Amino acid sequence: MKGPLRDRSLGTKLTEVEYAQVEAAALRAGVGLSEWCRRVALHAAETDGGEAAIAVLLAELLALRAVLLNVMFRMTNGGELTGEEMRELIERADRDKQKRAAALLGDGANDRA
């Protein structure tokens, strides 16, 4: 059974080098240039363009920063951390990291108000 008729087109202009890169990618994928471009365009439209990966990395970095700053603050003031205190710091950082990353990326504008 055939799918819906593809009656719309999409075009772009490329340099010689860009065209060669796209052509090589289509060749590696074993499909024609038009089919490769269609697949890549649809995949990009269906995904978030890597924003989710950036959000995850930012969240992890913020959690690490929170733990590090708390440990450094405690050590600078002559204190020590017990294993339980360290676990609590890590749990708190993990609990808050997604919300903090979303706020920094602009997804949580209402959370900052």
N, C-alpha and C. Protein backbone atom coordinates (compact mmCIF):
# COMPACT_ATOMS: atom_id res chain seq x y z
N MET A 1 0.85 -1.18 0.00
CA MET A 1 0.00 0.00 0.00
C MET A 1 0.89 1.24 0.00
N LYS A 2 0.53 2.19 -0.83
CA LYS A 2 1.31 3.42 -0.95
C LYS A 2 0.93 4.40 0.15
N GLY A 3 1.94 5.20 0.55
CA GLY A 3 1.70 6.24 1.54
C GLY A 3 1.14 7.48 0.87
N PRO A 4 1.05 8.55 1.61
CA PRO A 4 0.53 9.80 1.05
C PRO A 4 1.43 10.33 -0.05
N LEU A 5 0.83 11.00 -0.99
CA LEU A 5 1.56 11.58 -2.12
C LEU A 5 2.48 12.69 -1.63
N ARG A 6 3.72 12.62 -2.04
CA ARG A 6 4.69 13.66 -1.69
C ARG A 6 4.65 14.72 -2.79
N ASP A 7 3.87 15.76 -2.57
CA ASP A 7 3.70 16.77 -3.62
C ASP A 7 4.31 18.12 -3.26
N ARG A 8 5.10 18.16 -2.20
CA ARG A 8 5.77 19.39 -1.78
C ARG A 8 7.27 19.19 -1.91
N SER A 9 7.99 20.27 -2.20
CA SER A 9 9.43 20.14 -2.31
C SER A 9 10.12 21.17 -1.43
N LEU A 10 11.37 20.90 -1.16
CA LEU A 10 12.19 21.75 -0.31
C LEU A 10 13.56 21.85 -0.97
N GLY A 11 14.09 23.05 -1.07
CA GLY A 11 15.37 23.22 -1.74
C GLY A 11 16.32 24.10 -0.94
N THR A 12 17.60 23.97 -1.27
CA THR A 12 18.62 24.80 -0.64
C THR A 12 19.81 24.91 -1.58
N LYS A 13 20.65 25.85 -1.34
CA LYS A 13 21.87 26.01 -2.13
C LYS A 13 23.06 25.63 -1.26
N LEU A 14 24.04 24.96 -1.87
CA LEU A 14 25.23 24.50 -1.17
C LEU A 14 26.48 24.91 -1.93
N THR A 15 27.57 25.01 -1.21
CA THR A 15 28.87 25.20 -1.87
C THR A 15 29.28 23.85 -2.46
N GLU A 16 30.32 23.84 -3.25
CA GLU A 16 30.83 22.59 -3.81
C GLU A 16 31.25 21.63 -2.70
N VAL A 17 31.91 22.16 -1.68
CA VAL A 17 32.37 21.32 -0.57
C VAL A 17 31.18 20.76 0.20
N GLU A 18 30.19 21.59 0.50
CA GLU A 18 29.00 21.13 1.21
C GLU A 18 28.27 20.06 0.40
N TYR A 19 28.14 20.29 -0.89
CA TYR A 19 27.46 19.32 -1.75
C TYR A 19 28.20 17.98 -1.72
N ALA A 20 29.51 18.03 -1.79
CA ALA A 20 30.31 16.80 -1.75
C ALA A 20 30.11 16.06 -0.43
N GLN A 21 30.02 16.81 0.67
CA GLN A 21 29.80 16.19 1.98
C GLN A 21 28.44 15.50 2.04
N VAL A 22 27.42 16.17 1.54
CA VAL A 22 26.07 15.61 1.55
C VAL A 22 26.00 14.40 0.62
N GLU A 23 26.59 14.53 -0.54
CA GLU A 23 26.61 13.43 -1.50
C GLU A 23 27.31 12.21 -0.93
N ALA A 24 28.44 12.42 -0.25
CA ALA A 24 29.17 11.32 0.36
C ALA A 24 28.35 10.66 1.47
N ALA A 25 27.64 11.46 2.25
CA ALA A 25 26.80 10.90 3.32
C ALA A 25 25.68 10.05 2.74
N ALA A 26 25.08 10.50 1.65
CA ALA A 26 24.02 9.73 1.00
C ALA A 26 24.58 8.43 0.45
N LEU A 27 25.75 8.50 -0.12
CA LEU A 27 26.40 7.30 -0.66
C LEU A 27 26.68 6.30 0.45
N ARG A 28 27.21 6.79 1.58
CA ARG A 28 27.47 5.90 2.72
C ARG A 28 26.19 5.25 3.23
N ALA A 29 25.09 5.99 3.19
CA ALA A 29 23.80 5.47 3.66
C ALA A 29 23.16 4.54 2.64
N GLY A 30 23.69 4.55 1.41
CA GLY A 30 23.16 3.66 0.39
C GLY A 30 21.84 4.11 -0.20
N VAL A 31 21.58 5.41 -0.15
CA VAL A 31 20.34 5.96 -0.72
C VAL A 31 20.69 7.13 -1.63
N GLY A 32 19.72 7.52 -2.41
CA GLY A 32 19.93 8.66 -3.29
C GLY A 32 20.02 9.95 -2.49
N LEU A 33 20.53 10.97 -3.13
CA LEU A 33 20.72 12.26 -2.48
C LEU A 33 19.41 12.85 -1.97
N SER A 34 18.36 12.81 -2.79
CA SER A 34 17.07 13.37 -2.38
C SER A 34 16.49 12.62 -1.18
N GLU A 35 16.58 11.28 -1.23
CA GLU A 35 16.06 10.47 -0.13
C GLU A 35 16.84 10.74 1.15
N TRP A 36 18.17 10.86 1.04
CA TRP A 36 18.98 11.13 2.22
C TRP A 36 18.60 12.47 2.82
N CYS A 37 18.47 13.49 1.97
CA CYS A 37 18.10 14.83 2.46
C CYS A 37 16.72 14.81 3.12
N ARG A 38 15.77 14.07 2.51
CA ARG A 38 14.43 13.97 3.09
C ARG A 38 14.49 13.32 4.47
N ARG A 39 15.24 12.22 4.59
CA ARG A 39 15.36 11.53 5.88
C ARG A 39 15.99 12.42 6.94
N VAL A 40 17.05 13.10 6.57
CA VAL A 40 17.75 13.96 7.53
C VAL A 40 16.86 15.12 7.95
N ALA A 41 16.17 15.73 7.00
CA ALA A 41 15.28 16.86 7.34
C ALA A 41 14.16 16.40 8.25
N LEU A 42 13.55 15.26 7.96
CA LEU A 42 12.47 14.76 8.80
C LEU A 42 12.97 14.36 10.18
N HIS A 43 14.15 13.74 10.22
CA HIS A 43 14.72 13.37 11.52
C HIS A 43 14.97 14.62 12.38
N ALA A 44 15.52 15.65 11.76
CA ALA A 44 15.78 16.90 12.50
C ALA A 44 14.47 17.53 12.97
N ALA A 45 13.44 17.44 12.15
CA ALA A 45 12.15 18.01 12.52
C ALA A 45 11.48 17.24 13.66
N GLU A 46 11.76 15.94 13.73
CA GLU A 46 11.13 15.09 14.74
C GLU A 46 11.89 15.07 16.06
N THR A 47 13.13 15.49 16.03
CA THR A 47 13.93 15.49 17.25
C THR A 47 14.10 16.93 17.74
N ASP A 48 14.75 17.08 18.84
CA ASP A 48 14.94 18.41 19.40
C ASP A 48 16.25 19.05 18.99
N GLY A 49 16.91 18.49 18.00
CA GLY A 49 18.16 19.07 17.52
C GLY A 49 19.29 19.05 18.54
N GLY A 50 19.27 18.11 19.46
CA GLY A 50 20.34 18.01 20.44
C GLY A 50 20.10 18.80 21.71
N GLU A 51 18.99 19.52 21.78
CA GLU A 51 18.72 20.33 22.98
C GLU A 51 18.56 19.47 24.22
N ALA A 52 18.01 18.27 24.05
CA ALA A 52 17.86 17.38 25.21
C ALA A 52 19.23 16.98 25.75
N ALA A 53 20.15 16.69 24.85
CA ALA A 53 21.50 16.32 25.29
C ALA A 53 22.18 17.48 26.00
N ILE A 54 21.99 18.67 25.50
CA ILE A 54 22.56 19.85 26.13
C ILE A 54 21.96 20.03 27.52
N ALA A 55 20.65 19.84 27.63
CA ALA A 55 19.99 19.99 28.93
C ALA A 55 20.50 18.96 29.93
N VAL A 56 20.72 17.73 29.49
CA VAL A 56 21.24 16.68 30.37
C VAL A 56 22.65 17.03 30.83
N LEU A 57 23.49 17.44 29.89
CA LEU A 57 24.86 17.82 30.25
C LEU A 57 24.89 19.00 31.21
N LEU A 58 24.06 20.00 30.94
CA LEU A 58 24.01 21.16 31.82
C LEU A 58 23.53 20.75 33.21
N ALA A 59 22.53 19.89 33.27
CA ALA A 59 22.02 19.43 34.57
C ALA A 59 23.11 18.72 35.36
N GLU A 60 23.85 17.85 34.69
CA GLU A 60 24.93 17.13 35.37
C GLU A 60 26.03 18.09 35.83
N LEU A 61 26.36 19.05 34.99
CA LEU A 61 27.37 20.03 35.35
C LEU A 61 26.92 20.86 36.55
N LEU A 62 25.66 21.26 36.57
CA LEU A 62 25.15 22.03 37.71
C LEU A 62 25.16 21.22 38.99
N ALA A 63 24.84 19.93 38.89
CA ALA A 63 24.87 19.07 40.07
C ALA A 63 26.29 18.94 40.59
N LEU A 64 27.22 18.71 39.69
CA LEU A 64 28.63 18.60 40.07
C LEU A 64 29.11 19.89 40.70
N ARG A 65 28.73 21.02 40.12
CA ARG A 65 29.12 22.33 40.65
C ARG A 65 28.57 22.53 42.07
N ALA A 66 27.30 22.16 42.26
CA ALA A 66 26.69 22.32 43.58
C ALA A 66 27.42 21.50 44.64
N VAL A 67 27.73 20.25 44.31
CA VAL A 67 28.45 19.40 45.25
C VAL A 67 29.84 19.96 45.51
N LEU A 68 30.55 20.30 44.47
CA LEU A 68 31.91 20.81 44.62
C LEU A 68 31.96 22.09 45.46
N LEU A 69 31.06 23.03 45.16
CA LEU A 69 31.07 24.28 45.92
C LEU A 69 30.74 24.06 47.39
N ASN A 70 29.81 23.15 47.67
CA ASN A 70 29.48 22.87 49.06
C ASN A 70 30.65 22.22 49.80
N VAL A 71 31.31 21.29 49.13
CA VAL A 71 32.47 20.63 49.74
C VAL A 71 33.60 21.64 49.95
N MET A 72 33.88 22.43 48.95
CA MET A 72 34.95 23.42 49.06
C MET A 72 34.64 24.46 50.14
N PHE A 73 33.40 24.89 50.22
CA PHE A 73 33.02 25.86 51.26
C PHE A 73 33.25 25.27 52.64
N ARG A 74 32.84 24.02 52.83
CA ARG A 74 33.00 23.36 54.12
C ARG A 74 34.48 23.22 54.45
N MET A 75 35.31 22.79 53.48
CA MET A 75 36.74 22.59 53.72
C MET A 75 37.45 23.91 53.96
N THR A 76 37.07 24.96 53.26
CA THR A 76 37.69 26.27 53.42
C THR A 76 37.47 26.80 54.83
N ASN A 77 36.34 26.45 55.40
CA ASN A 77 36.01 26.90 56.75
C ASN A 77 36.45 25.90 57.82
N GLY A 78 37.33 24.99 57.43
CA GLY A 78 37.90 24.07 58.41
C GLY A 78 37.03 22.89 58.77
N GLY A 79 35.93 22.72 58.10
CA GLY A 79 35.03 21.62 58.43
C GLY A 79 35.33 20.37 57.63
N GLU A 80 34.70 19.30 58.02
CA GLU A 80 34.81 18.03 57.33
C GLU A 80 33.42 17.54 57.00
N LEU A 81 33.33 16.64 56.04
CA LEU A 81 32.05 16.05 55.66
C LEU A 81 32.03 14.58 56.03
N THR A 82 30.93 14.14 56.61
CA THR A 82 30.76 12.72 56.85
C THR A 82 30.24 12.08 55.56
N GLY A 83 30.29 10.78 55.51
CA GLY A 83 29.75 10.07 54.35
C GLY A 83 28.28 10.37 54.14
N GLU A 84 27.55 10.44 55.24
CA GLU A 84 26.11 10.73 55.16
C GLU A 84 25.86 12.14 54.64
N GLU A 85 26.64 13.11 55.09
CA GLU A 85 26.49 14.49 54.60
C GLU A 85 26.80 14.58 53.11
N MET A 86 27.80 13.83 52.68
CA MET A 86 28.15 13.82 51.26
C MET A 86 27.02 13.22 50.44
N ARG A 87 26.44 12.12 50.91
CA ARG A 87 25.29 11.51 50.22
C ARG A 87 24.13 12.49 50.14
N GLU A 88 23.88 13.23 51.20
CA GLU A 88 22.79 14.22 51.20
C GLU A 88 23.06 15.34 50.19
N LEU A 89 24.30 15.79 50.12
CA LEU A 89 24.66 16.82 49.12
C LEU A 89 24.41 16.32 47.71
N ILE A 90 24.81 15.10 47.45
CA ILE A 90 24.64 14.51 46.12
C ILE A 90 23.16 14.34 45.80
N GLU A 91 22.40 13.84 46.75
CA GLU A 91 20.96 13.65 46.53
C GLU A 91 20.26 14.98 46.26
N ARG A 92 20.61 16.01 47.02
CA ARG A 92 20.01 17.33 46.81
C ARG A 92 20.39 17.88 45.44
N ALA A 93 21.66 17.73 45.06
CA ALA A 93 22.10 18.21 43.76
C ALA A 93 21.37 17.47 42.64
N ASP A 94 21.22 16.15 42.78
CA ASP A 94 20.51 15.36 41.77
C ASP A 94 19.03 15.73 41.70
N ARG A 95 18.45 16.01 42.85
CA ARG A 95 17.03 16.36 42.92
C ARG A 95 16.75 17.69 42.23
N ASP A 96 17.67 18.64 42.34
CA ASP A 96 17.44 20.00 41.84
C ASP A 96 18.00 20.26 40.44
N LYS A 97 18.82 19.36 39.91
CA LYS A 97 19.57 19.66 38.70
C LYS A 97 18.70 19.91 37.47
N GLN A 98 17.64 19.14 37.27
CA GLN A 98 16.79 19.32 36.09
C GLN A 98 16.07 20.67 36.12
N LYS A 99 15.56 21.03 37.26
CA LYS A 99 14.85 22.30 37.39
C LYS A 99 15.80 23.48 37.16
N ARG A 100 17.01 23.39 37.70
CA ARG A 100 17.98 24.47 37.53
C ARG A 100 18.43 24.58 36.08
N ALA A 101 18.64 23.44 35.42
CA ALA A 101 19.05 23.46 34.01
C ALA A 101 17.94 24.06 33.15
N ALA A 102 16.70 23.65 33.39
CA ALA A 102 15.57 24.19 32.62
C ALA A 102 15.46 25.70 32.81
N ALA A 103 15.67 26.16 34.02
CA ALA A 103 15.60 27.60 34.29
C ALA A 103 16.69 28.34 33.52
N LEU A 104 17.89 27.79 33.50
CA LEU A 104 18.99 28.44 32.78
C LEU A 104 18.80 28.40 31.27
N LEU A 105 18.16 27.36 30.77
CA LEU A 105 17.92 27.25 29.33
C LEU A 105 16.68 28.01 28.88
N GLY A 106 15.97 28.62 29.82
CA GLY A 106 14.80 29.41 29.45
C GLY A 106 13.51 28.63 29.49
N ASP A 107 13.56 27.33 29.80
CA ASP A 107 12.35 26.52 29.86
C ASP A 107 11.58 26.77 31.15
N GLY A 108 12.23 27.33 32.13
CA GLY A 108 11.58 27.51 33.41
C GLY A 108 11.40 28.97 33.77
N ALA A 109 11.05 29.79 32.80
CA ALA A 109 10.89 31.22 33.03
C ALA A 109 9.90 31.49 34.16
N ASN A 110 8.87 30.66 34.25
CA ASN A 110 7.88 30.85 35.31
C ASN A 110 8.42 30.46 36.67
N ASP A 111 9.37 29.52 36.69
CA ASP A 111 9.95 29.09 37.96
C ASP A 111 10.79 30.19 38.60
N ARG A 112 11.34 31.11 37.76
CA ARG A 112 12.20 32.16 38.29
C ARG A 112 11.40 33.36 38.78
N ALA A 113 10.17 33.45 38.39
CA ALA A 113 9.36 34.63 38.73
C ALA A 113 8.97 34.62 40.19
